[in-house]
């Protein structure tokens, strides 16, 4: 089996390597000490076509695959960003990109994919909860029907990138666990504004990777519009797995550098 890189992938790796080296260790030390989102780095990653590497060309992406993204992350991380690089791709092409592109309605795709790909929109995902951890089927955050939309109540913990994001992919129950036939039923995904009435977040102090904040989030009767639904009501489990499995693939290359 031939594992040699094509000419196109060699060019991709060289482009990523140059961008990564431009932002070296001193840059990342400063960003981490200041607890500052690496906006200029991420913007340049997007400008050279890597930020939207797996997203459709019709919206400004490169239309490439997971191997290409892994190669790019590996080369970018070598410059000094390390695991933070993988987290940046986790937030945007994956949490935002996979959810919107594969499961968002067409108006959402047309509105949000271009700024996501250009680096003007940052996303995060609200999954982990204090009482459920990463056991996704045990989430307690609940969205109750309210007219055409919903009212969201609950809390999330250790959510990466909250303060730096404009949108959050929320994993919530719309049917209680004790009322469904299968535990994976009754889960729904929503993509809502981080800056919204009833949504508050506070930082969690941590050691390292401070360029991306971690937060505790509270939802207190947060209104959700019907246009903010991802996929179908009560059928969010498969879309969630598609997001999470892509995230897992994304973490391997950054662990090797």
C-alpha atoms as a PDB file:
ATOM      1  CA  UNK A   1       0.000   0.000   0.000  1.00  0.00           C
ATOM      2  CA  UNK A   2       1.414   3.358  -1.025  1.00  0.00           C
ATOM      3  CA  UNK A   3       1.370   5.970   1.763  1.00  0.00           C
ATOM      4  CA  UNK A   4       3.303   8.613  -0.166  1.00  0.00           C
ATOM      5  CA  UNK A   5       1.657  12.025  -0.449  1.00  0.00           C
ATOM      6  CA  UNK A   6       0.271  13.358  -3.704  1.00  0.00           C
ATOM      7  CA  UNK A   7       1.626  16.627  -5.053  1.00  0.00           C
ATOM      8  CA  UNK A   8      -1.550  18.378  -3.907  1.00  0.00           C
ATOM      9  CA  UNK A   9      -1.114  17.111  -0.358  1.00  0.00           C
ATOM     10  CA  UNK A  10       2.550  18.087  -0.350  1.00  0.00           C
ATOM     11  CA  UNK A  11       1.516  21.639  -1.241  1.00  0.00           C
ATOM     12  CA  UNK A  12      -1.123  21.567   1.502  1.00  0.00           C
ATOM     13  CA  UNK A  13       1.433  20.426   4.091  1.00  0.00           C
ATOM     14  CA  UNK A  14       3.953  23.035   3.015  1.00  0.00           C
ATOM     15  CA  UNK A  15       1.341  25.808   3.221  1.00  0.00           C
ATOM     16  CA  UNK A  16       0.279  24.689   6.700  1.00  0.00           C
ATOM     17  CA  UNK A  17       3.898  24.379   7.825  1.00  0.00           C
ATOM     18  CA  UNK A  18       4.688  27.963   6.715  1.00  0.00           C
ATOM     19  CA  UNK A  19       1.676  29.373   8.552  1.00  0.00           C
ATOM     20  CA  UNK A  20       2.503  27.369  11.676  1.00  0.00           C
ATOM     21  CA  UNK A  21       6.126  28.526  11.717  1.00  0.00           C
ATOM     22  CA  UNK A  22       5.080  32.154  11.294  1.00  0.00           C
ATOM     23  CA  UNK A  23       3.315  31.911  14.683  1.00  0.00           C
ATOM     24  CA  UNK A  24       6.002  30.329  16.806  1.00  0.00           C
ATOM     25  CA  UNK A  25       6.420  29.498  20.465  1.00  0.00           C
ATOM     26  CA  UNK A  26       6.672  33.125  21.599  1.00  0.00           C
ATOM     27  CA  UNK A  27       3.325  33.913  20.006  1.00  0.00           C
ATOM     28  CA  UNK A  28       1.622  30.992  21.738  1.00  0.00           C
ATOM     29  CA  UNK A  29       3.265  31.740  25.097  1.00  0.00           C
ATOM     30  CA  UNK A  30       1.918  35.284  24.905  1.00  0.00           C
ATOM     31  CA  UNK A  31      -1.576  34.183  23.865  1.00  0.00           C
ATOM     32  CA  UNK A  32      -1.697  31.641  26.673  1.00  0.00           C
ATOM     33  CA  UNK A  33      -0.455  34.119  29.297  1.00  0.00           C
ATOM     34  CA  UNK A  34      -2.994  36.712  28.141  1.00  0.00           C
ATOM     35  CA  UNK A  35      -5.781  34.104  27.880  1.00  0.00           C
ATOM     36  CA  UNK A  36      -6.442  35.506  24.421  1.00  0.00           C
ATOM     37  CA  UNK A  37      -8.115  33.778  21.483  1.00  0.00           C
ATOM     38  CA  UNK A  38      -5.605  33.474  18.584  1.00  0.00           C
ATOM     39  CA  UNK A  39      -7.718  35.520  16.174  1.00  0.00           C
ATOM     40  CA  UNK A  40      -4.902  36.562  13.823  1.00  0.00           C
ATOM     41  CA  UNK A  41      -3.580  33.001  13.567  1.00  0.00           C
ATOM     42  CA  UNK A  42      -7.011  31.512  12.858  1.00  0.00           C
ATOM     43  CA  UNK A  43      -7.832  34.232  10.342  1.00  0.00           C
ATOM     44  CA  UNK A  44      -4.672  33.446   8.372  1.00  0.00           C
ATOM     45  CA  UNK A  45      -5.416  29.714   8.510  1.00  0.00           C
ATOM     46  CA  UNK A  46      -8.796  30.513   6.947  1.00  0.00           C
ATOM     47  CA  UNK A  47      -7.343  32.909   4.378  1.00  0.00           C
ATOM     48  CA  UNK A  48      -5.054  30.202   2.962  1.00  0.00           C
ATOM     49  CA  UNK A  49      -8.048  27.866   2.622  1.00  0.00           C
ATOM     50  CA  UNK A  50      -7.353  25.482   5.493  1.00  0.00           C
ATOM     51  CA  UNK A  51      -9.984  26.643   8.006  1.00  0.00           C
ATOM     52  CA  UNK A  52     -12.779  25.335   5.795  1.00  0.00           C
ATOM     53  CA  UNK A  53     -10.751  22.463   4.392  1.00  0.00           C
ATOM     54  CA  UNK A  54     -13.525  19.844   4.605  1.00  0.00           C
ATOM     55  CA  UNK A  55     -16.443  22.175   3.852  1.00  0.00           C
ATOM     56  CA  UNK A  56     -18.111  22.711   0.450  1.00  0.00           C
ATOM     57  CA  UNK A  57     -16.457  24.820  -2.222  1.00  0.00           C
ATOM     58  CA  UNK A  58     -19.773  26.521  -2.993  1.00  0.00           C
ATOM     59  CA  UNK A  59     -19.526  28.314   0.369  1.00  0.00           C
ATOM     60  CA  UNK A  60     -15.814  29.070   0.157  1.00  0.00           C
ATOM     61  CA  UNK A  61     -14.421  25.820   1.533  1.00  0.00           C
ATOM     62  CA  UNK A  62     -11.862  23.499  -0.044  1.00  0.00           C
ATOM     63  CA  UNK A  63     -14.027  20.383  -0.309  1.00  0.00           C
ATOM     64  CA  UNK A  64     -11.265  18.037   0.867  1.00  0.00           C
ATOM     65  CA  UNK A  65     -11.353  15.129   3.312  1.00  0.00           C
ATOM     66  CA  UNK A  66     -10.432  14.110   6.839  1.00  0.00           C
ATOM     67  CA  UNK A  67      -6.938  12.935   5.890  1.00  0.00           C
ATOM     68  CA  UNK A  68      -6.228  16.364   4.415  1.00  0.00           C
ATOM     69  CA  UNK A  69      -7.417  18.061   7.586  1.00  0.00           C
ATOM     70  CA  UNK A  70      -5.285  15.760   9.730  1.00  0.00           C
ATOM     71  CA  UNK A  71      -2.195  16.518   7.629  1.00  0.00           C
ATOM     72  CA  UNK A  72      -2.827  20.263   7.903  1.00  0.00           C
ATOM     73  CA  UNK A  73      -3.357  20.144  11.674  1.00  0.00           C
ATOM     74  CA  UNK A  74      -0.139  18.180  12.147  1.00  0.00           C
ATOM     75  CA  UNK A  75       1.924  20.729  10.235  1.00  0.00           C
ATOM     76  CA  UNK A  76       0.253  23.752  11.841  1.00  0.00           C
ATOM     77  CA  UNK A  77       0.767  22.315  15.334  1.00  0.00           C
ATOM     78  CA  UNK A  78       4.508  21.860  14.767  1.00  0.00           C
ATOM     79  CA  UNK A  79       4.951  25.623  14.813  1.00  0.00           C
ATOM     80  CA  UNK A  80       4.237  25.748  18.549  1.00  0.00           C
ATOM     81  CA  UNK A  81       0.446  25.773  18.904  1.00  0.00           C
ATOM     82  CA  UNK A  82       0.293  22.085  19.788  1.00  0.00           C
ATOM     83  CA  UNK A  83      -3.071  20.800  21.000  1.00  0.00           C
ATOM     84  CA  UNK A  84      -4.664  24.238  20.672  1.00  0.00           C
ATOM     85  CA  UNK A  85      -4.584  23.825  16.884  1.00  0.00           C
ATOM     86  CA  UNK A  86      -6.684  20.696  17.065  1.00  0.00           C
ATOM     87  CA  UNK A  87      -9.132  22.457  19.363  1.00  0.00           C
ATOM     88  CA  UNK A  88      -9.542  25.323  16.892  1.00  0.00           C
ATOM     89  CA  UNK A  89     -10.481  22.839  14.176  1.00  0.00           C
ATOM     90  CA  UNK A  90     -12.718  21.040  16.670  1.00  0.00           C
ATOM     91  CA  UNK A  91     -14.699  24.220  17.281  1.00  0.00           C
ATOM     92  CA  UNK A  92     -15.146  25.465  13.746  1.00  0.00           C
ATOM     93  CA  UNK A  93     -14.938  22.917  10.905  1.00  0.00           C
ATOM     94  CA  UNK A  94     -16.323  20.207  13.225  1.00  0.00           C
ATOM     95  CA  UNK A  95     -18.713  21.486  15.927  1.00  0.00           C
ATOM     96  CA  UNK A  96     -19.939  24.225  13.619  1.00  0.00           C
ATOM     97  CA  UNK A  97     -19.093  22.859  10.192  1.00  0.00           C
ATOM     98  CA  UNK A  98     -20.298  19.254  10.470  1.00  0.00           C
ATOM     99  CA  UNK A  99     -23.502  20.207  12.269  1.00  0.00           C
ATOM    100  CA  UNK A 100     -24.415  23.044   9.906  1.00  0.00           C
ATOM    101  CA  UNK A 101     -23.289  21.468   6.645  1.00  0.00           C
ATOM    102  CA  UNK A 102     -24.673  17.982   7.160  1.00  0.00           C
ATOM    103  CA  UNK A 103     -27.771  18.687   9.234  1.00  0.00           C
ATOM    104  CA  UNK A 104     -28.612  22.378   9.093  1.00  0.00           C
ATOM    105  CA  UNK A 105     -31.487  23.692   6.944  1.00  0.00           C
ATOM    106  CA  UNK A 106     -30.477  25.341   3.662  1.00  0.00           C
ATOM    107  CA  UNK A 107     -31.004  28.941   4.875  1.00  0.00           C
ATOM    108  CA  UNK A 108     -28.688  28.224   7.841  1.00  0.00           C
ATOM    109  CA  UNK A 109     -26.039  26.710   5.576  1.00  0.00           C
ATOM    110  CA  UNK A 110     -26.139  29.723   3.251  1.00  0.00           C
ATOM    111  CA  UNK A 111     -25.989  32.217   6.112  1.00  0.00           C
ATOM    112  CA  UNK A 112     -23.430  30.626   8.425  1.00  0.00           C
ATOM    113  CA  UNK A 113     -21.025  28.492   6.395  1.00  0.00           C
ATOM    114  CA  UNK A 114     -19.357  31.421   4.532  1.00  0.00           C
ATOM    115  CA  UNK A 115     -18.406  33.349   7.729  1.00  0.00           C
ATOM    116  CA  UNK A 116     -17.419  30.095   9.441  1.00  0.00           C
ATOM    117  CA  UNK A 117     -15.080  29.254   6.559  1.00  0.00           C
ATOM    118  CA  UNK A 118     -13.648  32.798   6.375  1.00  0.00           C
ATOM    119  CA  UNK A 119     -12.885  32.849  10.103  1.00  0.00           C
ATOM    120  CA  UNK A 120     -15.431  35.547  10.934  1.00  0.00           C
ATOM    121  CA  UNK A 121     -17.661  33.154  12.897  1.00  0.00           C
ATOM    122  CA  UNK A 122     -16.539  30.932  15.773  1.00  0.00           C
ATOM    123  CA  UNK A 123     -18.616  28.076  17.192  1.00  0.00           C
ATOM    124  CA  UNK A 124     -18.516  25.933  20.320  1.00  0.00           C
ATOM    125  CA  UNK A 125     -20.556  22.979  21.558  1.00  0.00           C
ATOM    126  CA  UNK A 126     -22.460  22.575  24.820  1.00  0.00           C
ATOM    127  CA  UNK A 127     -22.463  18.863  25.631  1.00  0.00           C
ATOM    128  CA  UNK A 128     -20.709  18.066  28.925  1.00  0.00           C
ATOM    129  CA  UNK A 129     -22.778  18.486  32.110  1.00  0.00           C
ATOM    130  CA  UNK A 130     -21.809  18.390  35.807  1.00  0.00           C
ATOM    131  CA  UNK A 131     -24.031  15.371  36.526  1.00  0.00           C
ATOM    132  CA  UNK A 132     -23.568  13.519  33.244  1.00  0.00           C
ATOM    133  CA  UNK A 133     -19.970  14.125  32.227  1.00  0.00           C
ATOM    134  CA  UNK A 134     -19.493  12.934  28.661  1.00  0.00           C
ATOM    135  CA  UNK A 135     -22.252  10.300  28.961  1.00  0.00           C
ATOM    136  CA  UNK A 136     -24.341  12.078  26.359  1.00  0.00           C
ATOM    137  CA  UNK A 137     -27.549  10.122  26.856  1.00  0.00           C
ATOM    138  CA  UNK A 138     -27.682  11.322  30.488  1.00  0.00           C
ATOM    139  CA  UNK A 139     -27.846  15.041  29.678  1.00  0.00           C
ATOM    140  CA  UNK A 140     -30.444  16.899  31.749  1.00  0.00           C
ATOM    141  CA  UNK A 141     -30.534  20.213  29.897  1.00  0.00           C
ATOM    142  CA  UNK A 142     -34.107  20.342  28.599  1.00  0.00           C
ATOM    143  CA  UNK A 143     -35.880  22.230  25.818  1.00  0.00           C
ATOM    144  CA  UNK A 144     -39.628  22.605  26.357  1.00  0.00           C
ATOM    145  CA  UNK A 145     -41.933  23.476  23.468  1.00  0.00           C
ATOM    146  CA  UNK A 146     -42.959  27.138  23.473  1.00  0.00           C
ATOM    147  CA  UNK A 147     -45.161  28.091  20.532  1.00  0.00           C
ATOM    148  CA  UNK A 148     -43.179  27.408  17.360  1.00  0.00           C
ATOM    149  CA  UNK A 149     -39.927  27.252  19.309  1.00  0.00           C
ATOM    150  CA  UNK A 150     -38.568  26.090  22.653  1.00  0.00           C
ATOM    151  CA  UNK A 151     -37.453  27.300  26.097  1.00  0.00           C
ATOM    152  CA  UNK A 152     -34.100  25.925  27.204  1.00  0.00           C
ATOM    153  CA  UNK A 153     -33.107  25.296  30.824  1.00  0.00           C
ATOM    154  CA  UNK A 154     -30.071  23.569  32.297  1.00  0.00           C
ATOM    155  CA  UNK A 155     -26.307  23.870  32.596  1.00  0.00           C
ATOM    156  CA  UNK A 156     -23.116  22.756  30.884  1.00  0.00           C
ATOM    157  CA  UNK A 157     -19.576  22.464  32.238  1.00  0.00           C
ATOM    158  CA  UNK A 158     -16.055  22.646  30.766  1.00  0.00           C
ATOM    159  CA  UNK A 159     -17.309  24.073  27.467  1.00  0.00           C
ATOM    160  CA  UNK A 160     -14.351  25.074  25.299  1.00  0.00           C
ATOM    161  CA  UNK A 161     -14.338  28.417  23.518  1.00  0.00           C
ATOM    162  CA  UNK A 162     -17.595  29.817  24.888  1.00  0.00           C
ATOM    163  CA  UNK A 163     -16.378  33.388  25.426  1.00  0.00           C
ATOM    164  CA  UNK A 164     -14.738  33.442  21.981  1.00  0.00           C
ATOM    165  CA  UNK A 165     -17.747  32.060  20.081  1.00  0.00           C
ATOM    166  CA  UNK A 166     -20.789  33.631  18.517  1.00  0.00           C
ATOM    167  CA  UNK A 167     -22.733  30.367  18.143  1.00  0.00           C
ATOM    168  CA  UNK A 168     -23.101  27.307  20.375  1.00  0.00           C
ATOM    169  CA  UNK A 169     -24.305  23.858  19.341  1.00  0.00           C
ATOM    170  CA  UNK A 170     -26.472  22.814  22.289  1.00  0.00           C
ATOM    171  CA  UNK A 171     -27.223  19.173  23.076  1.00  0.00           C
ATOM    172  CA  UNK A 172     -30.504  18.957  24.977  1.00  0.00           C
ATOM    173  CA  UNK A 173     -33.335  16.608  25.740  1.00  0.00           C
ATOM    174  CA  UNK A 174     -36.725  17.353  24.261  1.00  0.00           C
ATOM    175  CA  UNK A 175     -38.260  14.169  25.665  1.00  0.00           C
ATOM    176  CA  UNK A 176     -37.352  12.879  29.127  1.00  0.00           C
ATOM    177  CA  UNK A 177     -35.164   9.765  29.294  1.00  0.00           C
ATOM    178  CA  UNK A 178     -37.815   7.836  31.223  1.00  0.00           C
ATOM    179  CA  UNK A 179     -40.380   8.528  28.476  1.00  0.00           C
ATOM    180  CA  UNK A 180     -38.486   7.098  25.480  1.00  0.00           C
ATOM    181  CA  UNK A 181     -38.172   3.503  24.247  1.00  0.00           C
ATOM    182  CA  UNK A 182     -34.459   3.823  23.575  1.00  0.00           C
ATOM    183  CA  UNK A 183     -32.132   5.932  25.710  1.00  0.00           C
ATOM    184  CA  UNK A 184     -30.681   7.517  22.577  1.00  0.00           C
ATOM    185  CA  UNK A 185     -34.107   8.880  21.590  1.00  0.00           C
ATOM    186  CA  UNK A 186     -35.339  12.257  22.787  1.00  0.00           C
ATOM    187  CA  UNK A 187     -32.081  14.161  22.206  1.00  0.00           C
ATOM    188  CA  UNK A 188     -32.141  17.269  20.017  1.00  0.00           C
ATOM    189  CA  UNK A 189     -29.458  19.630  18.700  1.00  0.00           C
ATOM    190  CA  UNK A 190     -29.862  23.393  18.419  1.00  0.00           C
ATOM    191  CA  UNK A 191     -27.488  26.075  17.128  1.00  0.00           C
ATOM    192  CA  UNK A 192     -28.104  29.308  19.032  1.00  0.00           C
ATOM    193  CA  UNK A 193     -26.407  32.627  19.799  1.00  0.00           C
ATOM    194  CA  UNK A 194     -24.005  32.710  22.724  1.00  0.00           C
ATOM    195  CA  UNK A 195     -25.086  36.294  23.349  1.00  0.00           C
ATOM    196  CA  UNK A 196     -28.736  35.658  24.211  1.00  0.00           C
ATOM    197  CA  UNK A 197     -31.053  36.552  27.059  1.00  0.00           C
ATOM    198  CA  UNK A 198     -31.000  33.870  29.741  1.00  0.00           C
ATOM    199  CA  UNK A 199     -27.637  32.405  28.685  1.00  0.00           C
ATOM    200  CA  UNK A 200     -24.790  33.190  31.083  1.00  0.00           C
ATOM    201  CA  UNK A 201     -21.293  31.764  31.300  1.00  0.00           C
ATOM    202  CA  UNK A 202     -18.395  32.030  33.721  1.00  0.00           C
ATOM    203  CA  UNK A 203     -14.761  30.977  33.105  1.00  0.00           C
ATOM    204  CA  UNK A 204     -13.231  27.877  34.641  1.00  0.00           C
ATOM    205  CA  UNK A 205      -9.635  28.368  35.761  1.00  0.00           C
ATOM    206  CA  UNK A 206      -7.288  25.775  34.304  1.00  0.00           C
ATOM    207  CA  UNK A 207      -3.635  25.019  33.651  1.00  0.00           C
ATOM    208  CA  UNK A 208      -2.631  25.349  29.990  1.00  0.00           C
ATOM    209  CA  UNK A 209      -4.460  25.879  26.670  1.00  0.00           C
ATOM    210  CA  UNK A 210      -5.683  29.227  27.969  1.00  0.00           C
ATOM    211  CA  UNK A 211      -5.900  30.623  24.448  1.00  0.00           C
ATOM    212  CA  UNK A 212      -9.273  28.870  24.426  1.00  0.00           C
ATOM    213  CA  UNK A 213     -11.400  29.469  27.494  1.00  0.00           C
ATOM    214  CA  UNK A 214     -13.396  26.794  29.298  1.00  0.00           C
ATOM    215  CA  UNK A 215     -16.697  27.822  30.827  1.00  0.00           C
ATOM    216  CA  UNK A 216     -19.632  26.869  32.991  1.00  0.00           C
ATOM    217  CA  UNK A 217     -22.857  27.751  31.151  1.00  0.00           C
ATOM    218  CA  UNK A 218     -26.341  28.312  32.557  1.00  0.00           C
ATOM    219  CA  UNK A 219     -29.531  28.325  30.456  1.00  0.00           C
ATOM    220  CA  UNK A 220     -32.453  30.067  32.153  1.00  0.00           C
ATOM    221  CA  UNK A 221     -35.553  30.040  29.922  1.00  0.00           C
ATOM    222  CA  UNK A 222     -33.457  30.699  26.825  1.00  0.00           C
ATOM    223  CA  UNK A 223     -35.706  31.133  23.794  1.00  0.00           C
ATOM    224  CA  UNK A 224     -34.900  29.001  20.744  1.00  0.00           C
ATOM    225  CA  UNK A 225     -36.274  29.816  17.315  1.00  0.00           C
ATOM    226  CA  UNK A 226     -37.612  27.007  15.071  1.00  0.00           C
ATOM    227  CA  UNK A 227     -34.966  27.964  12.483  1.00  0.00           C
ATOM    228  CA  UNK A 228     -32.218  27.054  14.998  1.00  0.00           C
ATOM    229  CA  UNK A 229     -33.044  23.352  14.999  1.00  0.00           C
ATOM    230  CA  UNK A 230     -30.320  21.001  13.731  1.00  0.00           C
ATOM    231  CA  UNK A 231     -31.664  17.824  12.084  1.00  0.00           C
ATOM    232  CA  UNK A 232     -34.943  16.609  13.658  1.00  0.00           C
ATOM    233  CA  UNK A 233     -36.573  16.906  17.065  1.00  0.00           C
ATOM    234  CA  UNK A 234     -35.796  13.910  19.320  1.00  0.00           C
ATOM    235  CA  UNK A 235     -33.460  12.473  16.638  1.00  0.00           C
ATOM    236  CA  UNK A 236     -30.215  14.233  17.441  1.00  0.00           C
ATOM    237  CA  UNK A 237     -28.236  11.167  18.501  1.00  0.00           C
ATOM    238  CA  UNK A 238     -26.889  10.204  15.053  1.00  0.00           C
ATOM    239  CA  UNK A 239     -25.957  13.805  14.133  1.00  0.00           C
ATOM    240  CA  UNK A 240     -24.220  14.121  17.505  1.00  0.00           C
ATOM    241  CA  UNK A 241     -22.212  10.958  16.843  1.00  0.00           C
ATOM    242  CA  UNK A 242     -21.202  12.282  13.427  1.00  0.00           C
ATOM    243  CA  UNK A 243     -19.876  15.423  15.107  1.00  0.00           C
ATOM    244  CA  UNK A 244     -18.095  13.527  17.899  1.00  0.00           C
ATOM    245  CA  UNK A 245     -16.535  10.891  15.638  1.00  0.00           C
ATOM    246  CA  UNK A 246     -15.116  13.624  13.408  1.00  0.00           C
ATOM    247  CA  UNK A 247     -13.757  15.331  16.527  1.00  0.00           C
ATOM    248  CA  UNK A 248     -11.976  12.143  17.606  1.00  0.00           C
ATOM    249  CA  UNK A 249     -10.279  11.820  14.222  1.00  0.00           C
ATOM    250  CA  UNK A 250      -9.159  15.417  14.590  1.00  0.00           C
ATOM    251  CA  UNK A 251      -7.325  14.752  17.864  1.00  0.00           C
ATOM    252  CA  UNK A 252      -4.901  12.079  16.628  1.00  0.00           C
ATOM    253  CA  UNK A 253      -2.592  14.241  14.471  1.00  0.00           C
ATOM    254  CA  UNK A 254      -2.050  16.856  17.154  1.00  0.00           C
ATOM    255  CA  UNK A 255      -1.051  14.138  19.638  1.00  0.00           C
ATOM    256  CA  UNK A 256       1.787  12.982  17.390  1.00  0.00           C
ATOM    257  CA  UNK A 257       3.665  16.267  17.096  1.00  0.00           C
END
